[in-house]
Amino acid sequence: MNEPKIRKGFRKKRVKRPVEKDVVSGYDSHWEYELHSGLLKDWNFHTEKVNYIVEHTYHPDFIKTIDNKTILLEAKGRFWDAAEYNKYVWISKVLPDDYELVFLFSDPSAPMPQAQRRKDGTKRTHGEWASSKGFRWYSEYSIPDDWVDVKCKDEEL
């Protein structure tokens, strides 16, 4: 059998959920309305919200303790999609106070994925995104000297 060719880097488009027409207000579908009108008429409907968390693990690229604070240094060439960069916002919310997630961008001026063009023709950059979310970020050229092997930094620059 011949296997279908899959292009590398190609992401299949998400199939949108079909929208039912003429659904009674307050219900997500005709079926929910029918259930609540008959078989489940004595049940409460959409009266409570339940918070939940989907547990994930994060493996930072580099870790070092500096001035009693554990720095999780994430080296990013670029973000590929919203799910990827939003992941870091969620990670930062659960970090203990003595931990900090910091980005090291290969090109902080690279545009974010799906960024809209501004009136001046520019797009939101990785650095602007990080700043707007409260993250510290650096490039190889701006990373503090006490965080790196200065001999290597001087040789590379």
N, C-alpha and C. Protein backbone atom coordinates (compact mmCIF):
# COMPACT_ATOMS: atom_id res chain seq x y z
N MET A 1 0.84 -1.19 0.00
CA MET A 1 0.00 0.00 0.00
C MET A 1 0.88 1.25 0.00
N ASN A 2 0.44 2.23 -0.72
CA ASN A 2 1.14 3.51 -0.71
C ASN A 2 0.61 4.37 0.41
N GLU A 3 1.52 4.85 1.24
CA GLU A 3 1.12 5.73 2.33
C GLU A 3 0.97 7.14 1.79
N PRO A 4 0.02 7.90 2.33
CA PRO A 4 -0.14 9.28 1.85
C PRO A 4 1.09 10.11 2.22
N LYS A 5 1.43 11.02 1.34
CA LYS A 5 2.56 11.90 1.62
C LYS A 5 2.11 12.99 2.58
N ILE A 6 2.92 13.20 3.60
CA ILE A 6 2.61 14.23 4.58
C ILE A 6 3.71 15.27 4.52
N ARG A 7 3.33 16.50 4.27
CA ARG A 7 4.32 17.58 4.21
C ARG A 7 4.78 17.91 5.61
N LYS A 8 6.08 18.01 5.78
CA LYS A 8 6.61 18.39 7.09
C LYS A 8 6.24 19.82 7.39
N GLY A 9 5.88 20.06 8.65
CA GLY A 9 5.52 21.42 9.07
C GLY A 9 4.09 21.79 8.72
N PHE A 10 3.36 20.91 8.08
CA PHE A 10 1.98 21.21 7.69
C PHE A 10 1.04 20.80 8.80
N ARG A 11 0.20 21.71 9.21
CA ARG A 11 -0.79 21.41 10.24
C ARG A 11 -2.16 21.36 9.60
N LYS A 12 -2.86 20.30 9.89
CA LYS A 12 -4.21 20.14 9.36
C LYS A 12 -5.12 21.18 9.99
N LYS A 13 -5.98 21.80 9.18
CA LYS A 13 -6.90 22.80 9.70
C LYS A 13 -7.92 22.15 10.62
N ARG A 14 -8.26 22.87 11.67
CA ARG A 14 -9.24 22.39 12.64
C ARG A 14 -10.62 22.40 12.01
N VAL A 15 -11.37 21.33 12.22
CA VAL A 15 -12.73 21.25 11.72
C VAL A 15 -13.64 21.96 12.72
N LYS A 16 -14.36 22.96 12.24
CA LYS A 16 -15.23 23.72 13.12
C LYS A 16 -16.47 22.91 13.49
N ARG A 17 -16.91 23.08 14.71
CA ARG A 17 -18.11 22.41 15.19
C ARG A 17 -19.32 23.00 14.48
N PRO A 18 -20.19 22.16 13.95
CA PRO A 18 -21.38 22.71 13.27
C PRO A 18 -22.30 23.42 14.27
N VAL A 19 -22.93 24.47 13.80
CA VAL A 19 -23.84 25.25 14.65
C VAL A 19 -25.27 24.88 14.32
N GLU A 20 -26.02 24.47 15.36
CA GLU A 20 -27.44 24.15 15.14
C GLU A 20 -28.22 25.45 15.00
N LYS A 21 -29.24 25.41 14.15
CA LYS A 21 -30.06 26.60 13.92
C LYS A 21 -31.32 26.53 14.77
N ASP A 22 -31.82 27.69 15.13
CA ASP A 22 -33.08 27.83 15.85
C ASP A 22 -33.10 27.08 17.18
N VAL A 23 -32.01 27.10 17.92
CA VAL A 23 -31.94 26.45 19.24
C VAL A 23 -32.61 27.38 20.25
N VAL A 24 -33.40 26.82 21.13
CA VAL A 24 -34.09 27.60 22.16
C VAL A 24 -33.04 28.30 23.03
N SER A 25 -33.26 29.56 23.34
CA SER A 25 -32.31 30.36 24.10
C SER A 25 -31.96 29.68 25.44
N GLY A 26 -30.69 29.63 25.76
CA GLY A 26 -30.23 29.02 27.00
C GLY A 26 -29.78 27.58 26.86
N TYR A 27 -30.04 26.98 25.72
CA TYR A 27 -29.66 25.58 25.48
C TYR A 27 -28.58 25.52 24.40
N ASP A 28 -27.75 24.49 24.50
CA ASP A 28 -26.67 24.32 23.52
C ASP A 28 -27.13 23.54 22.29
N SER A 29 -28.22 22.80 22.41
CA SER A 29 -28.70 22.00 21.28
C SER A 29 -30.20 21.72 21.45
N HIS A 30 -30.81 21.28 20.35
CA HIS A 30 -32.23 20.89 20.39
C HIS A 30 -32.41 19.70 21.35
N TRP A 31 -31.45 18.78 21.32
CA TRP A 31 -31.54 17.58 22.16
C TRP A 31 -31.55 17.95 23.63
N GLU A 32 -30.68 18.90 24.07
CA GLU A 32 -30.69 19.34 25.47
C GLU A 32 -32.07 19.88 25.84
N TYR A 33 -32.65 20.69 24.96
CA TYR A 33 -33.97 21.25 25.21
C TYR A 33 -35.02 20.15 25.35
N GLU A 34 -34.96 19.16 24.46
CA GLU A 34 -35.93 18.05 24.51
C GLU A 34 -35.77 17.25 25.80
N LEU A 35 -34.53 16.99 26.21
CA LEU A 35 -34.29 16.26 27.46
C LEU A 35 -34.83 17.02 28.66
N HIS A 36 -34.55 18.33 28.71
CA HIS A 36 -34.99 19.14 29.85
C HIS A 36 -36.49 19.37 29.85
N SER A 37 -37.11 19.29 28.70
CA SER A 37 -38.57 19.45 28.60
C SER A 37 -39.31 18.16 28.93
N GLY A 38 -38.62 17.03 28.88
CA GLY A 38 -39.30 15.76 29.09
C GLY A 38 -38.61 14.88 30.11
N LEU A 39 -37.77 13.99 29.63
CA LEU A 39 -37.12 12.97 30.44
C LEU A 39 -36.39 13.53 31.68
N LEU A 40 -35.78 14.68 31.56
CA LEU A 40 -35.01 15.26 32.67
C LEU A 40 -35.61 16.58 33.17
N LYS A 41 -36.94 16.67 33.14
CA LYS A 41 -37.59 17.94 33.51
C LYS A 41 -37.41 18.31 34.98
N ASP A 42 -37.15 17.34 35.85
CA ASP A 42 -36.95 17.63 37.27
C ASP A 42 -35.50 17.97 37.62
N TRP A 43 -34.66 17.97 36.64
CA TRP A 43 -33.24 18.26 36.86
C TRP A 43 -32.97 19.76 36.67
N ASN A 44 -31.99 20.27 37.42
CA ASN A 44 -31.52 21.65 37.20
C ASN A 44 -30.68 21.66 35.94
N PHE A 45 -30.76 22.75 35.20
CA PHE A 45 -30.06 22.83 33.93
C PHE A 45 -29.13 24.05 33.90
N HIS A 46 -27.85 23.81 33.68
CA HIS A 46 -26.83 24.87 33.58
C HIS A 46 -26.87 25.84 34.77
N THR A 47 -27.01 25.30 35.97
CA THR A 47 -27.11 26.17 37.15
C THR A 47 -25.77 26.35 37.86
N GLU A 48 -24.81 25.50 37.58
CA GLU A 48 -23.52 25.59 38.26
C GLU A 48 -22.38 25.51 37.27
N LYS A 49 -21.22 26.02 37.71
CA LYS A 49 -20.00 25.90 36.93
C LYS A 49 -18.99 25.13 37.76
N VAL A 50 -18.22 24.29 37.10
CA VAL A 50 -17.21 23.48 37.77
C VAL A 50 -15.85 23.80 37.15
N ASN A 51 -14.95 24.32 37.96
CA ASN A 51 -13.59 24.59 37.48
C ASN A 51 -12.83 23.28 37.39
N TYR A 52 -12.00 23.16 36.38
CA TYR A 52 -11.15 21.98 36.27
C TYR A 52 -9.80 22.37 35.69
N ILE A 53 -8.85 21.53 35.92
CA ILE A 53 -7.49 21.77 35.45
C ILE A 53 -7.03 20.54 34.68
N VAL A 54 -6.47 20.77 33.52
CA VAL A 54 -5.85 19.70 32.76
C VAL A 54 -4.37 19.72 33.12
N GLU A 55 -3.91 18.66 33.74
CA GLU A 55 -2.54 18.65 34.23
C GLU A 55 -1.56 18.34 33.10
N HIS A 56 -0.51 19.13 33.06
CA HIS A 56 0.56 18.96 32.08
C HIS A 56 1.89 19.04 32.81
N THR A 57 2.95 18.69 32.12
CA THR A 57 4.28 18.89 32.68
C THR A 57 5.07 19.80 31.74
N TYR A 58 5.96 20.56 32.32
CA TYR A 58 6.79 21.49 31.56
C TYR A 58 8.25 21.17 31.85
N HIS A 59 9.04 21.07 30.83
CA HIS A 59 10.47 20.80 30.97
C HIS A 59 11.22 22.03 30.48
N PRO A 60 11.66 22.90 31.40
CA PRO A 60 12.38 24.11 30.97
C PRO A 60 13.69 23.74 30.28
N ASP A 61 14.10 24.61 29.36
CA ASP A 61 15.34 24.36 28.63
C ASP A 61 16.56 24.44 29.54
N PHE A 62 16.63 25.47 30.37
CA PHE A 62 17.77 25.68 31.26
C PHE A 62 17.28 26.13 32.63
N ILE A 63 17.98 25.70 33.68
CA ILE A 63 17.60 26.06 35.05
C ILE A 63 18.86 26.48 35.81
N LYS A 64 18.73 27.59 36.56
CA LYS A 64 19.84 28.03 37.41
C LYS A 64 19.27 28.87 38.53
N THR A 65 19.83 28.70 39.74
CA THR A 65 19.41 29.52 40.87
C THR A 65 20.34 30.73 40.95
N ILE A 66 19.73 31.91 40.92
CA ILE A 66 20.47 33.18 40.97
C ILE A 66 19.81 34.05 42.03
N ASP A 67 20.59 34.48 43.02
CA ASP A 67 20.08 35.34 44.10
C ASP A 67 18.83 34.75 44.75
N ASN A 68 18.90 33.47 45.14
CA ASN A 68 17.81 32.76 45.80
C ASN A 68 16.53 32.65 44.97
N LYS A 69 16.65 32.82 43.67
CA LYS A 69 15.50 32.67 42.78
C LYS A 69 15.88 31.66 41.70
N THR A 70 15.00 30.69 41.46
CA THR A 70 15.24 29.69 40.43
C THR A 70 14.74 30.24 39.10
N ILE A 71 15.68 30.39 38.17
CA ILE A 71 15.35 30.93 36.85
C ILE A 71 15.15 29.76 35.90
N LEU A 72 13.97 29.72 35.28
CA LEU A 72 13.68 28.75 34.22
C LEU A 72 13.86 29.51 32.92
N LEU A 73 14.94 29.22 32.22
CA LEU A 73 15.26 29.95 30.98
C LEU A 73 14.77 29.16 29.78
N GLU A 74 13.84 29.75 29.05
CA GLU A 74 13.26 29.11 27.88
C GLU A 74 13.88 29.72 26.63
N ALA A 75 14.67 28.94 25.91
CA ALA A 75 15.31 29.40 24.67
C ALA A 75 14.33 29.20 23.52
N LYS A 76 13.91 30.29 22.89
CA LYS A 76 12.91 30.21 21.82
C LYS A 76 13.45 30.79 20.53
N GLY A 77 13.40 29.97 19.50
CA GLY A 77 13.68 30.49 18.17
C GLY A 77 12.49 31.29 17.70
N ARG A 78 11.31 30.68 17.86
CA ARG A 78 10.06 31.37 17.52
C ARG A 78 8.90 30.56 18.09
N PHE A 79 7.77 31.22 18.24
CA PHE A 79 6.54 30.54 18.61
C PHE A 79 5.86 30.10 17.32
N TRP A 80 5.21 28.94 17.36
CA TRP A 80 4.54 28.42 16.18
C TRP A 80 3.05 28.73 16.16
N ASP A 81 2.41 28.78 17.34
CA ASP A 81 0.97 29.04 17.35
C ASP A 81 0.55 29.55 18.72
N ALA A 82 -0.70 29.95 18.81
CA ALA A 82 -1.24 30.53 20.05
C ALA A 82 -1.21 29.53 21.20
N ALA A 83 -1.46 28.27 20.92
CA ALA A 83 -1.44 27.26 21.99
C ALA A 83 -0.07 27.20 22.64
N GLU A 84 0.97 27.32 21.83
CA GLU A 84 2.33 27.25 22.37
C GLU A 84 2.63 28.45 23.26
N TYR A 85 2.36 29.66 22.78
CA TYR A 85 2.75 30.80 23.61
C TYR A 85 1.80 31.01 24.80
N ASN A 86 0.55 30.60 24.69
CA ASN A 86 -0.35 30.70 25.85
C ASN A 86 0.03 29.71 26.94
N LYS A 87 0.67 28.62 26.57
CA LYS A 87 1.13 27.62 27.54
C LYS A 87 2.01 28.29 28.60
N TYR A 88 2.86 29.21 28.17
CA TYR A 88 3.79 29.84 29.11
C TYR A 88 3.08 30.77 30.10
N VAL A 89 1.98 31.36 29.68
CA VAL A 89 1.19 32.19 30.60
C VAL A 89 0.63 31.30 31.71
N TRP A 90 0.11 30.12 31.34
CA TRP A 90 -0.43 29.19 32.34
C TRP A 90 0.67 28.67 33.25
N ILE A 91 1.81 28.39 32.69
CA ILE A 91 2.94 27.91 33.51
C ILE A 91 3.31 28.96 34.54
N SER A 92 3.39 30.21 34.13
CA SER A 92 3.81 31.28 35.05
C SER A 92 2.82 31.46 36.20
N LYS A 93 1.55 31.13 35.97
CA LYS A 93 0.54 31.28 37.03
C LYS A 93 0.71 30.27 38.15
N VAL A 94 1.33 29.11 37.87
CA VAL A 94 1.46 28.08 38.89
C VAL A 94 2.86 27.99 39.49
N LEU A 95 3.77 28.82 39.02
CA LEU A 95 5.13 28.78 39.57
C LEU A 95 5.16 29.35 40.99
N PRO A 96 5.96 28.76 41.86
CA PRO A 96 6.13 29.33 43.20
C PRO A 96 6.79 30.72 43.10
N ASP A 97 6.68 31.49 44.17
CA ASP A 97 7.22 32.86 44.16
C ASP A 97 8.72 32.92 43.92
N ASP A 98 9.44 31.88 44.31
CA ASP A 98 10.89 31.90 44.15
C ASP A 98 11.34 31.31 42.81
N TYR A 99 10.42 31.18 41.85
CA TYR A 99 10.72 30.73 40.49
C TYR A 99 10.32 31.82 39.51
N GLU A 100 11.06 31.91 38.42
CA GLU A 100 10.70 32.88 37.38
C GLU A 100 10.99 32.26 36.01
N LEU A 101 10.03 32.42 35.12
CA LEU A 101 10.20 31.96 33.74
C LEU A 101 10.70 33.15 32.92
N VAL A 102 11.87 32.98 32.30
CA VAL A 102 12.51 34.03 31.52
C VAL A 102 12.76 33.50 30.11
N PHE A 103 12.56 34.34 29.11
CA PHE A 103 12.77 33.92 27.73
C PHE A 103 14.10 34.43 27.19
N LEU A 104 14.76 33.57 26.42
CA LEU A 104 15.94 33.94 25.66
C LEU A 104 15.57 33.74 24.20
N PHE A 105 15.29 34.85 23.51
CA PHE A 105 14.85 34.79 22.12
C PHE A 105 16.03 34.87 21.17
N SER A 106 16.01 34.04 20.13
CA SER A 106 17.06 34.15 19.12
C SER A 106 16.85 35.43 18.30
N ASP A 107 15.60 35.83 18.13
CA ASP A 107 15.28 37.08 17.43
C ASP A 107 14.03 37.69 18.07
N PRO A 108 14.22 38.55 19.09
CA PRO A 108 13.07 39.14 19.79
C PRO A 108 12.17 39.98 18.90
N SER A 109 12.69 40.43 17.76
CA SER A 109 11.89 41.28 16.87
C SER A 109 11.11 40.48 15.84
N ALA A 110 11.20 39.15 15.91
CA ALA A 110 10.42 38.30 14.99
C ALA A 110 8.94 38.46 15.28
N PRO A 111 8.10 38.49 14.24
CA PRO A 111 6.66 38.66 14.47
C PRO A 111 6.03 37.41 15.08
N MET A 112 5.03 37.65 15.90
CA MET A 112 4.27 36.55 16.50
C MET A 112 3.43 35.87 15.42
N PRO A 113 3.14 34.56 15.60
CA PRO A 113 2.28 33.89 14.63
C PRO A 113 0.88 34.50 14.63
N GLN A 114 0.30 34.60 13.48
CA GLN A 114 -1.04 35.17 13.28
C GLN A 114 -1.16 36.62 13.75
N ALA A 115 -0.03 37.32 13.91
CA ALA A 115 -0.08 38.71 14.35
C ALA A 115 -0.70 39.57 13.25
N GLN A 116 -1.59 40.46 13.66
CA GLN A 116 -2.23 41.37 12.71
C GLN A 116 -1.28 42.53 12.40
N ARG A 117 -1.28 42.97 11.16
CA ARG A 117 -0.45 44.09 10.77
C ARG A 117 -1.06 45.37 11.35
N ARG A 118 -0.22 46.17 12.00
CA ARG A 118 -0.67 47.43 12.59
C ARG A 118 -0.79 48.50 11.51
N LYS A 119 -1.34 49.64 11.89
CA LYS A 119 -1.48 50.75 10.94
C LYS A 119 -0.14 51.20 10.39
N ASP A 120 0.91 51.09 11.24
CA ASP A 120 2.24 51.51 10.78
C ASP A 120 2.95 50.41 9.98
N GLY A 121 2.27 49.26 9.75
CA GLY A 121 2.84 48.20 8.94
C GLY A 121 3.61 47.15 9.71
N THR A 122 3.82 47.36 11.01
CA THR A 122 4.57 46.39 11.81
C THR A 122 3.63 45.35 12.42
N LYS A 123 4.22 44.28 12.93
CA LYS A 123 3.46 43.26 13.63
C LYS A 123 3.99 43.12 15.05
N ARG A 124 3.18 42.60 15.95
CA ARG A 124 3.61 42.36 17.32
C ARG A 124 4.76 41.37 17.32
N THR A 125 5.81 41.71 18.09
CA THR A 125 7.00 40.87 18.11
C THR A 125 6.99 39.94 19.32
N HIS A 126 7.91 38.98 19.30
CA HIS A 126 8.06 38.07 20.43
C HIS A 126 8.40 38.85 21.70
N GLY A 127 9.31 39.81 21.59
CA GLY A 127 9.69 40.63 22.74
C GLY A 127 8.52 41.43 23.29
N GLU A 128 7.72 42.02 22.42
CA GLU A 128 6.55 42.79 22.85
C GLU A 128 5.54 41.88 23.55
N TRP A 129 5.34 40.69 23.00
CA TRP A 129 4.42 39.75 23.63
C TRP A 129 4.89 39.42 25.04
N ALA A 130 6.18 39.08 25.19
CA ALA A 130 6.72 38.69 26.49
C ALA A 130 6.57 39.84 27.50
N SER A 131 6.89 41.04 27.08
CA SER A 131 6.75 42.20 27.97
C SER A 131 5.31 42.42 28.39
N SER A 132 4.38 42.27 27.44
CA SER A 132 2.97 42.50 27.76
C SER A 132 2.42 41.46 28.74
N LYS A 133 3.03 40.29 28.79
CA LYS A 133 2.60 39.23 29.72
C LYS A 133 3.40 39.23 31.01
N GLY A 134 4.30 40.19 31.17
CA GLY A 134 5.06 40.32 32.41
C GLY A 134 6.30 39.44 32.49
N PHE A 135 6.75 38.90 31.37
CA PHE A 135 7.95 38.07 31.36
C PHE A 135 9.19 38.93 31.12
N ARG A 136 10.28 38.59 31.80
CA ARG A 136 11.56 39.15 31.43
C ARG A 136 12.04 38.38 30.22
N TRP A 137 12.75 39.05 29.34
CA TRP A 137 13.28 38.37 28.16
C TRP A 137 14.59 39.01 27.75
N TYR A 138 15.40 38.20 27.07
CA TYR A 138 16.70 38.65 26.61
C TYR A 138 16.98 38.05 25.24
N SER A 139 17.99 38.62 24.60
CA SER A 139 18.58 37.99 23.42
C SER A 139 19.98 37.54 23.85
N GLU A 140 20.68 36.86 22.96
CA GLU A 140 22.06 36.47 23.28
C GLU A 140 22.92 37.68 23.60
N TYR A 141 22.57 38.82 23.00
CA TYR A 141 23.38 40.02 23.16
C TYR A 141 23.05 40.79 24.43
N SER A 142 21.85 40.59 24.97
CA SER A 142 21.44 41.38 26.14
C SER A 142 21.38 40.58 27.44
N ILE A 143 21.59 39.28 27.36
CA ILE A 143 21.51 38.46 28.58
C ILE A 143 22.59 38.93 29.56
N PRO A 144 22.26 39.04 30.86
CA PRO A 144 23.23 39.55 31.84
C PRO A 144 24.52 38.73 31.86
N ASP A 145 25.63 39.42 32.01
CA ASP A 145 26.94 38.76 32.03
C ASP A 145 27.07 37.75 33.16
N ASP A 146 26.42 38.02 34.31
CA ASP A 146 26.56 37.08 35.44
C ASP A 146 25.70 35.82 35.25
N TRP A 147 24.96 35.74 34.15
CA TRP A 147 24.17 34.55 33.84
C TRP A 147 24.91 33.62 32.88
N VAL A 148 25.95 34.11 32.25
CA VAL A 148 26.60 33.34 31.17
C VAL A 148 28.11 33.25 31.38
N ASP A 149 28.74 32.42 30.58
CA ASP A 149 30.19 32.35 30.53
C ASP A 149 30.63 33.50 29.62
N VAL A 150 31.16 34.55 30.23
CA VAL A 150 31.49 35.78 29.50
C VAL A 150 32.53 35.53 28.41
N LYS A 151 33.46 34.60 28.64
CA LYS A 151 34.48 34.29 27.62
C LYS A 151 33.81 33.81 26.34
N CYS A 152 32.82 32.93 26.48
CA CYS A 152 32.09 32.42 25.31
C CYS A 152 31.28 33.52 24.65
N LYS A 153 30.69 34.38 25.45
CA LYS A 153 29.87 35.46 24.91
C LYS A 153 30.73 36.40 24.09
N ASP A 154 31.92 36.75 24.59
CA ASP A 154 32.81 37.64 23.86
C ASP A 154 33.29 37.03 22.55
N GLU A 155 33.57 35.71 22.56
CA GLU A 155 34.02 35.01 21.37
C GLU A 155 32.93 34.98 20.30
N GLU A 156 31.70 34.74 20.71
CA GLU A 156 30.58 34.63 19.78
C GLU A 156 30.18 35.96 19.20
N LEU A 157 30.33 37.02 19.97
CA LEU A 157 29.94 38.34 19.49
C LEU A 157 31.10 38.95 18.78
